[in-house]
Amino acid sequence: MSLLTTINEDIKTAMKAKDKETLAVLRMLKAAFQNEQIKTGKELSEDEELTLLSREMKQRRESLAEFQQAGREDLVEQTQEAIKIVEKYLPQQLTEDELHTIVSEAIAKVNATSMKDFGKVMGVVMPMTKGKADGNEINRLVKEQLN
């Protein structure tokens, strides 16, 4: 079952439960999926769905940081709830130890020795962790291990 089908089912459930917050987030996700399908002109693959979901999560996290800086507690709470809802559709996130292992293996694979090899390492790590880890966290770990 595709992610869009799952979201549609969850929209129906949220409508029946009169859960307005969840419904708003799910409708926004559905719109993002449909827009992407229209843009590509085809059904989205599982990989494309993950990419889209990761992008949506990244936007929420960036918004959360901005709202926290601005002291907008009302929007902080709302965004945190939206993040929890989006997280339900992402695959199980990797632990820091698992990420550390993946980064170490990637560094060994490309024989990276300095920060000059940062791009090569990221090119190996990112496809392996797609949707399973935050890009900023991966970026930080790669920099730590290359330094």
N, C-alpha and C. Protein backbone atom coordinates (compact mmCIF):
# COMPACT_ATOMS: atom_id res chain seq x y z
N MET A 1 0.85 -1.17 0.00
CA MET A 1 0.00 0.00 0.00
C MET A 1 0.89 1.24 0.00
N SER A 2 0.59 2.17 -0.89
CA SER A 2 1.42 3.37 -0.98
C SER A 2 1.16 4.29 0.22
N LEU A 3 2.08 5.18 0.42
CA LEU A 3 1.99 6.12 1.52
C LEU A 3 0.78 7.04 1.35
N LEU A 4 0.50 7.41 0.11
CA LEU A 4 -0.64 8.29 -0.17
C LEU A 4 -1.95 7.59 0.22
N THR A 5 -2.05 6.30 -0.05
CA THR A 5 -3.24 5.54 0.32
C THR A 5 -3.39 5.50 1.84
N THR A 6 -2.29 5.29 2.53
CA THR A 6 -2.30 5.28 3.99
C THR A 6 -2.75 6.63 4.53
N ILE A 7 -2.23 7.70 3.95
CA ILE A 7 -2.59 9.05 4.39
C ILE A 7 -4.08 9.29 4.15
N ASN A 8 -4.60 8.85 3.00
CA ASN A 8 -6.02 9.02 2.71
C ASN A 8 -6.89 8.30 3.75
N GLU A 9 -6.47 7.10 4.12
CA GLU A 9 -7.21 6.34 5.15
C GLU A 9 -7.17 7.06 6.49
N ASP A 10 -6.01 7.61 6.81
CA ASP A 10 -5.86 8.33 8.08
C ASP A 10 -6.64 9.64 8.08
N ILE A 11 -6.80 10.24 6.91
CA ILE A 11 -7.62 11.45 6.79
C ILE A 11 -9.07 11.11 7.14
N LYS A 12 -9.56 10.00 6.61
CA LYS A 12 -10.93 9.57 6.91
C LYS A 12 -11.10 9.34 8.41
N THR A 13 -10.12 8.68 9.02
CA THR A 13 -10.17 8.41 10.46
C THR A 13 -10.19 9.72 11.25
N ALA A 14 -9.34 10.66 10.86
CA ALA A 14 -9.26 11.95 11.56
C ALA A 14 -10.56 12.73 11.39
N MET A 15 -11.19 12.63 10.23
CA MET A 15 -12.46 13.32 9.99
C MET A 15 -13.54 12.74 10.91
N LYS A 16 -13.58 11.42 11.00
CA LYS A 16 -14.58 10.78 11.86
C LYS A 16 -14.36 11.13 13.33
N ALA A 17 -13.08 11.26 13.72
CA ALA A 17 -12.75 11.57 15.11
C ALA A 17 -12.83 13.08 15.39
N LYS A 18 -13.07 13.87 14.34
CA LYS A 18 -13.12 15.34 14.45
C LYS A 18 -11.81 15.90 15.02
N ASP A 19 -10.70 15.32 14.59
CA ASP A 19 -9.37 15.74 15.03
C ASP A 19 -8.84 16.76 14.01
N LYS A 20 -9.13 18.02 14.24
CA LYS A 20 -8.82 19.07 13.26
C LYS A 20 -7.32 19.26 13.03
N GLU A 21 -6.51 19.16 14.10
CA GLU A 21 -5.07 19.38 13.95
C GLU A 21 -4.45 18.30 13.06
N THR A 22 -4.77 17.05 13.37
CA THR A 22 -4.24 15.94 12.58
C THR A 22 -4.73 16.03 11.14
N LEU A 23 -5.99 16.35 10.99
CA LEU A 23 -6.59 16.45 9.66
C LEU A 23 -5.88 17.51 8.82
N ALA A 24 -5.57 18.65 9.42
CA ALA A 24 -4.89 19.73 8.69
C ALA A 24 -3.51 19.27 8.21
N VAL A 25 -2.76 18.60 9.08
CA VAL A 25 -1.42 18.13 8.71
C VAL A 25 -1.51 17.08 7.61
N LEU A 26 -2.44 16.14 7.76
CA LEU A 26 -2.58 15.07 6.76
C LEU A 26 -3.01 15.62 5.40
N ARG A 27 -3.89 16.59 5.42
CA ARG A 27 -4.32 17.19 4.15
C ARG A 27 -3.15 17.91 3.48
N MET A 28 -2.33 18.56 4.29
CA MET A 28 -1.16 19.24 3.75
C MET A 28 -0.19 18.23 3.12
N LEU A 29 0.01 17.08 3.80
CA LEU A 29 0.87 16.03 3.26
C LEU A 29 0.30 15.49 1.96
N LYS A 30 -1.00 15.25 1.95
CA LYS A 30 -1.66 14.74 0.75
C LYS A 30 -1.48 15.71 -0.41
N ALA A 31 -1.64 16.99 -0.14
CA ALA A 31 -1.46 18.01 -1.18
C ALA A 31 -0.03 17.99 -1.72
N ALA A 32 0.94 17.83 -0.83
CA ALA A 32 2.35 17.78 -1.26
C ALA A 32 2.58 16.57 -2.17
N PHE A 33 2.01 15.42 -1.79
CA PHE A 33 2.15 14.22 -2.63
C PHE A 33 1.49 14.42 -3.98
N GLN A 34 0.29 14.97 -3.99
CA GLN A 34 -0.42 15.17 -5.25
C GLN A 34 0.29 16.18 -6.14
N ASN A 35 0.81 17.24 -5.55
CA ASN A 35 1.57 18.23 -6.33
C ASN A 35 2.80 17.60 -6.98
N GLU A 36 3.47 16.75 -6.22
CA GLU A 36 4.66 16.08 -6.74
C GLU A 36 4.29 15.13 -7.87
N GLN A 37 3.17 14.43 -7.72
CA GLN A 37 2.71 13.52 -8.78
C GLN A 37 2.38 14.29 -10.04
N ILE A 38 1.75 15.44 -9.88
CA ILE A 38 1.40 16.27 -11.05
C ILE A 38 2.68 16.77 -11.71
N LYS A 39 3.63 17.19 -10.89
CA LYS A 39 4.90 17.72 -11.42
C LYS A 39 5.66 16.65 -12.20
N THR A 40 5.71 15.42 -11.66
CA THR A 40 6.45 14.35 -12.32
C THR A 40 5.62 13.66 -13.39
N GLY A 41 4.30 13.77 -13.29
CA GLY A 41 3.43 13.16 -14.29
C GLY A 41 3.29 11.66 -14.14
N LYS A 42 3.59 11.14 -12.96
CA LYS A 42 3.48 9.69 -12.73
C LYS A 42 3.28 9.42 -11.25
N GLU A 43 2.95 8.16 -10.94
CA GLU A 43 2.84 7.75 -9.54
C GLU A 43 4.23 7.84 -8.90
N LEU A 44 4.28 8.22 -7.65
CA LEU A 44 5.56 8.31 -6.96
C LEU A 44 6.03 6.93 -6.51
N SER A 45 7.33 6.69 -6.66
CA SER A 45 7.91 5.45 -6.16
C SER A 45 8.06 5.57 -4.64
N GLU A 46 8.36 4.46 -4.00
CA GLU A 46 8.54 4.46 -2.55
C GLU A 46 9.68 5.40 -2.17
N ASP A 47 10.74 5.39 -2.96
CA ASP A 47 11.90 6.25 -2.70
C ASP A 47 11.52 7.73 -2.82
N GLU A 48 10.73 8.05 -3.84
CA GLU A 48 10.29 9.44 -4.03
C GLU A 48 9.36 9.87 -2.90
N GLU A 49 8.52 8.95 -2.43
CA GLU A 49 7.65 9.27 -1.31
C GLU A 49 8.46 9.58 -0.06
N LEU A 50 9.50 8.79 0.18
CA LEU A 50 10.38 9.02 1.33
C LEU A 50 11.07 10.37 1.24
N THR A 51 11.55 10.69 0.04
CA THR A 51 12.22 11.97 -0.17
C THR A 51 11.28 13.12 0.13
N LEU A 52 10.06 13.02 -0.36
CA LEU A 52 9.07 14.06 -0.14
C LEU A 52 8.73 14.20 1.34
N LEU A 53 8.56 13.08 2.01
CA LEU A 53 8.25 13.08 3.43
C LEU A 53 9.40 13.68 4.24
N SER A 54 10.62 13.35 3.86
CA SER A 54 11.80 13.92 4.53
C SER A 54 11.86 15.43 4.35
N ARG A 55 11.52 15.88 3.17
CA ARG A 55 11.51 17.33 2.87
C ARG A 55 10.47 18.03 3.74
N GLU A 56 9.29 17.43 3.86
CA GLU A 56 8.24 18.01 4.69
C GLU A 56 8.68 18.08 6.15
N MET A 57 9.33 17.02 6.63
CA MET A 57 9.81 16.99 8.02
C MET A 57 10.86 18.07 8.24
N LYS A 58 11.76 18.23 7.27
CA LYS A 58 12.81 19.25 7.38
C LYS A 58 12.18 20.64 7.47
N GLN A 59 11.15 20.89 6.67
CA GLN A 59 10.48 22.19 6.72
C GLN A 59 9.87 22.44 8.10
N ARG A 60 9.27 21.42 8.68
CA ARG A 60 8.66 21.56 10.00
C ARG A 60 9.72 21.86 11.06
N ARG A 61 10.85 21.15 10.97
CA ARG A 61 11.92 21.37 11.96
C ARG A 61 12.51 22.77 11.84
N GLU A 62 12.66 23.25 10.61
CA GLU A 62 13.18 24.61 10.41
C GLU A 62 12.19 25.64 10.96
N SER A 63 10.91 25.41 10.71
CA SER A 63 9.88 26.32 11.22
C SER A 63 9.89 26.33 12.74
N LEU A 64 10.04 25.14 13.33
CA LEU A 64 10.07 25.03 14.79
C LEU A 64 11.21 25.87 15.37
N ALA A 65 12.38 25.77 14.77
CA ALA A 65 13.54 26.54 15.25
C ALA A 65 13.26 28.05 15.15
N GLU A 66 12.66 28.47 14.05
CA GLU A 66 12.37 29.90 13.87
C GLU A 66 11.33 30.37 14.87
N PHE A 67 10.30 29.57 15.11
CA PHE A 67 9.27 29.94 16.07
C PHE A 67 9.83 30.02 17.48
N GLN A 68 10.75 29.12 17.81
CA GLN A 68 11.37 29.14 19.14
C GLN A 68 12.21 30.40 19.31
N GLN A 69 12.94 30.77 18.26
CA GLN A 69 13.76 31.99 18.33
C GLN A 69 12.88 33.23 18.50
N ALA A 70 11.72 33.21 17.85
CA ALA A 70 10.83 34.37 17.90
C ALA A 70 9.98 34.39 19.17
N GLY A 71 10.04 33.31 19.95
CA GLY A 71 9.27 33.24 21.19
C GLY A 71 7.79 33.02 20.97
N ARG A 72 7.43 32.41 19.85
CA ARG A 72 6.02 32.15 19.51
C ARG A 72 5.61 30.78 20.03
N GLU A 73 5.32 30.69 21.32
CA GLU A 73 5.01 29.41 21.96
C GLU A 73 3.77 28.75 21.37
N ASP A 74 2.79 29.57 20.93
CA ASP A 74 1.59 29.00 20.33
C ASP A 74 1.93 28.22 19.06
N LEU A 75 2.81 28.78 18.25
CA LEU A 75 3.21 28.13 17.01
C LEU A 75 4.20 26.99 17.26
N VAL A 76 4.99 27.11 18.33
CA VAL A 76 5.93 26.04 18.68
C VAL A 76 5.16 24.76 18.99
N GLU A 77 4.13 24.87 19.82
CA GLU A 77 3.33 23.69 20.18
C GLU A 77 2.66 23.08 18.96
N GLN A 78 2.10 23.93 18.13
CA GLN A 78 1.40 23.47 16.92
C GLN A 78 2.38 22.75 15.98
N THR A 79 3.57 23.29 15.82
CA THR A 79 4.56 22.69 14.94
C THR A 79 5.09 21.39 15.52
N GLN A 80 5.26 21.31 16.83
CA GLN A 80 5.70 20.07 17.46
C GLN A 80 4.68 18.96 17.24
N GLU A 81 3.41 19.29 17.31
CA GLU A 81 2.36 18.30 17.05
C GLU A 81 2.41 17.85 15.59
N ALA A 82 2.64 18.78 14.68
CA ALA A 82 2.73 18.44 13.26
C ALA A 82 3.91 17.51 13.01
N ILE A 83 5.03 17.76 13.68
CA ILE A 83 6.22 16.91 13.55
C ILE A 83 5.90 15.49 14.01
N LYS A 84 5.19 15.36 15.13
CA LYS A 84 4.82 14.03 15.63
C LYS A 84 3.96 13.28 14.62
N ILE A 85 3.07 13.99 13.96
CA ILE A 85 2.19 13.35 12.97
C ILE A 85 3.00 12.91 11.75
N VAL A 86 3.87 13.77 11.25
CA VAL A 86 4.67 13.43 10.08
C VAL A 86 5.62 12.27 10.39
N GLU A 87 6.16 12.24 11.63
CA GLU A 87 7.08 11.17 12.03
C GLU A 87 6.45 9.78 11.92
N LYS A 88 5.15 9.71 12.10
CA LYS A 88 4.45 8.41 12.02
C LYS A 88 4.63 7.75 10.65
N TYR A 89 4.84 8.55 9.62
CA TYR A 89 4.93 8.02 8.26
C TYR A 89 6.37 7.79 7.81
N LEU A 90 7.32 8.28 8.58
CA LEU A 90 8.73 8.06 8.26
C LEU A 90 9.16 6.69 8.78
N PRO A 91 10.14 6.07 8.14
CA PRO A 91 10.64 4.80 8.67
C PRO A 91 11.34 5.01 10.02
N GLN A 92 11.56 3.92 10.73
CA GLN A 92 12.25 3.99 12.03
C GLN A 92 13.57 4.73 11.87
N GLN A 93 13.79 5.73 12.71
CA GLN A 93 15.00 6.54 12.62
C GLN A 93 16.21 5.77 13.18
N LEU A 94 17.36 5.98 12.56
CA LEU A 94 18.59 5.33 13.00
C LEU A 94 19.09 5.98 14.29
N THR A 95 19.71 5.18 15.13
CA THR A 95 20.30 5.72 16.36
C THR A 95 21.63 6.39 16.00
N GLU A 96 22.18 7.14 16.94
CA GLU A 96 23.46 7.81 16.68
C GLU A 96 24.57 6.78 16.48
N ASP A 97 24.53 5.67 17.23
CA ASP A 97 25.54 4.62 17.07
C ASP A 97 25.48 4.01 15.67
N GLU A 98 24.26 3.75 15.19
CA GLU A 98 24.10 3.19 13.85
C GLU A 98 24.61 4.16 12.79
N LEU A 99 24.31 5.44 12.98
CA LEU A 99 24.79 6.46 12.05
C LEU A 99 26.32 6.54 12.08
N HIS A 100 26.87 6.45 13.27
CA HIS A 100 28.33 6.49 13.43
C HIS A 100 28.97 5.36 12.63
N THR A 101 28.39 4.17 12.72
CA THR A 101 28.91 3.00 12.01
C THR A 101 28.82 3.21 10.50
N ILE A 102 27.67 3.71 10.03
CA ILE A 102 27.48 3.95 8.59
C ILE A 102 28.49 4.96 8.08
N VAL A 103 28.69 6.05 8.83
CA VAL A 103 29.64 7.09 8.43
C VAL A 103 31.06 6.52 8.40
N SER A 104 31.42 5.75 9.41
CA SER A 104 32.76 5.14 9.46
C SER A 104 32.99 4.23 8.26
N GLU A 105 32.00 3.43 7.93
CA GLU A 105 32.12 2.53 6.78
C GLU A 105 32.26 3.31 5.47
N ALA A 106 31.49 4.40 5.37
CA ALA A 106 31.56 5.23 4.16
C ALA A 106 32.93 5.89 4.03
N ILE A 107 33.49 6.35 5.14
CA ILE A 107 34.82 6.97 5.11
C ILE A 107 35.85 5.95 4.65
N ALA A 108 35.75 4.73 5.16
CA ALA A 108 36.68 3.67 4.76
C ALA A 108 36.48 3.31 3.29
N LYS A 109 35.26 3.28 2.85
CA LYS A 109 34.94 2.89 1.47
C LYS A 109 35.54 3.85 0.44
N VAL A 110 35.47 5.17 0.74
CA VAL A 110 36.00 6.15 -0.22
C VAL A 110 37.42 6.59 0.13
N ASN A 111 38.02 5.96 1.14
CA ASN A 111 39.38 6.29 1.59
C ASN A 111 39.52 7.78 1.91
N ALA A 112 38.56 8.31 2.62
CA ALA A 112 38.57 9.73 2.97
C ALA A 112 39.61 9.98 4.06
N THR A 113 40.35 11.06 3.88
CA THR A 113 41.39 11.39 4.85
C THR A 113 41.24 12.80 5.42
N SER A 114 40.52 13.68 4.73
CA SER A 114 40.39 15.06 5.20
C SER A 114 39.03 15.62 4.80
N MET A 115 38.79 16.86 5.16
CA MET A 115 37.54 17.53 4.83
C MET A 115 37.36 17.69 3.32
N LYS A 116 38.43 17.55 2.57
CA LYS A 116 38.33 17.64 1.11
C LYS A 116 37.45 16.51 0.57
N ASP A 117 37.37 15.41 1.33
CA ASP A 117 36.59 14.24 0.90
C ASP A 117 35.16 14.25 1.45
N PHE A 118 34.77 15.36 2.05
CA PHE A 118 33.45 15.47 2.67
C PHE A 118 32.33 15.11 1.68
N GLY A 119 32.37 15.67 0.49
CA GLY A 119 31.34 15.43 -0.52
C GLY A 119 31.24 13.96 -0.91
N LYS A 120 32.39 13.31 -1.05
CA LYS A 120 32.41 11.89 -1.40
C LYS A 120 31.73 11.06 -0.32
N VAL A 121 32.06 11.35 0.92
CA VAL A 121 31.49 10.61 2.05
C VAL A 121 29.98 10.84 2.11
N MET A 122 29.55 12.09 2.01
CA MET A 122 28.12 12.40 2.05
C MET A 122 27.38 11.72 0.89
N GLY A 123 28.03 11.64 -0.27
CA GLY A 123 27.43 10.98 -1.43
C GLY A 123 27.17 9.50 -1.19
N VAL A 124 27.98 8.87 -0.36
CA VAL A 124 27.80 7.45 -0.02
C VAL A 124 26.78 7.30 1.11
N VAL A 125 26.85 8.18 2.10
CA VAL A 125 26.02 8.04 3.30
C VAL A 125 24.55 8.39 3.03
N MET A 126 24.29 9.45 2.32
CA MET A 126 22.92 9.94 2.16
C MET A 126 21.97 8.91 1.54
N PRO A 127 22.33 8.22 0.47
CA PRO A 127 21.39 7.22 -0.06
C PRO A 127 21.11 6.08 0.93
N MET A 128 22.09 5.76 1.77
CA MET A 128 21.91 4.67 2.74
C MET A 128 20.99 5.06 3.90
N THR A 129 20.88 6.36 4.16
CA THR A 129 20.11 6.82 5.32
C THR A 129 18.86 7.59 4.92
N LYS A 130 18.51 7.56 3.65
CA LYS A 130 17.38 8.34 3.15
C LYS A 130 16.12 8.07 3.98
N GLY A 131 15.59 9.15 4.56
CA GLY A 131 14.38 9.06 5.34
C GLY A 131 14.55 8.47 6.74
N LYS A 132 15.75 7.98 7.03
CA LYS A 132 15.98 7.32 8.32
C LYS A 132 16.79 8.16 9.28
N ALA A 133 17.27 9.32 8.81
CA ALA A 133 18.08 10.18 9.67
C ALA A 133 18.03 11.61 9.16
N ASP A 134 18.22 12.54 10.06
CA ASP A 134 18.24 13.96 9.73
C ASP A 134 19.56 14.30 9.05
N GLY A 135 19.49 15.00 7.94
CA GLY A 135 20.68 15.36 7.18
C GLY A 135 21.67 16.19 7.98
N ASN A 136 21.17 17.06 8.86
CA ASN A 136 22.06 17.89 9.68
C ASN A 136 22.87 17.02 10.65
N GLU A 137 22.22 15.99 11.18
CA GLU A 137 22.90 15.07 12.11
C GLU A 137 24.01 14.31 11.36
N ILE A 138 23.71 13.84 10.17
CA ILE A 138 24.69 13.12 9.36
C ILE A 138 25.86 14.04 9.04
N ASN A 139 25.54 15.26 8.63
CA ASN A 139 26.55 16.26 8.30
C ASN A 139 27.50 16.45 9.48
N ARG A 140 26.95 16.59 10.68
CA ARG A 140 27.74 16.81 11.89
C ARG A 140 28.67 15.61 12.15
N LEU A 141 28.12 14.39 12.03
CA LEU A 141 28.92 13.18 12.28
C LEU A 141 30.06 13.02 11.28
N VAL A 142 29.77 13.32 10.01
CA VAL A 142 30.83 13.20 8.99
C VAL A 142 31.94 14.20 9.28
N LYS A 143 31.57 15.43 9.62
CA LYS A 143 32.58 16.45 9.93
C LYS A 143 33.42 16.04 11.14
N GLU A 144 32.74 15.50 12.18
CA GLU A 144 33.45 15.07 13.37
C GLU A 144 34.49 13.99 13.03
N GLN A 145 34.08 13.02 12.24
CA GLN A 145 34.98 11.91 11.95
C GLN A 145 36.08 12.29 10.97
N LEU A 146 35.83 13.26 10.12
CA LEU A 146 36.89 13.67 9.18
C LEU A 146 37.91 14.59 9.84
N ASN A 147 37.52 15.22 10.92
CA ASN A 147 38.46 16.14 11.59
C ASN A 147 39.35 15.44 12.52
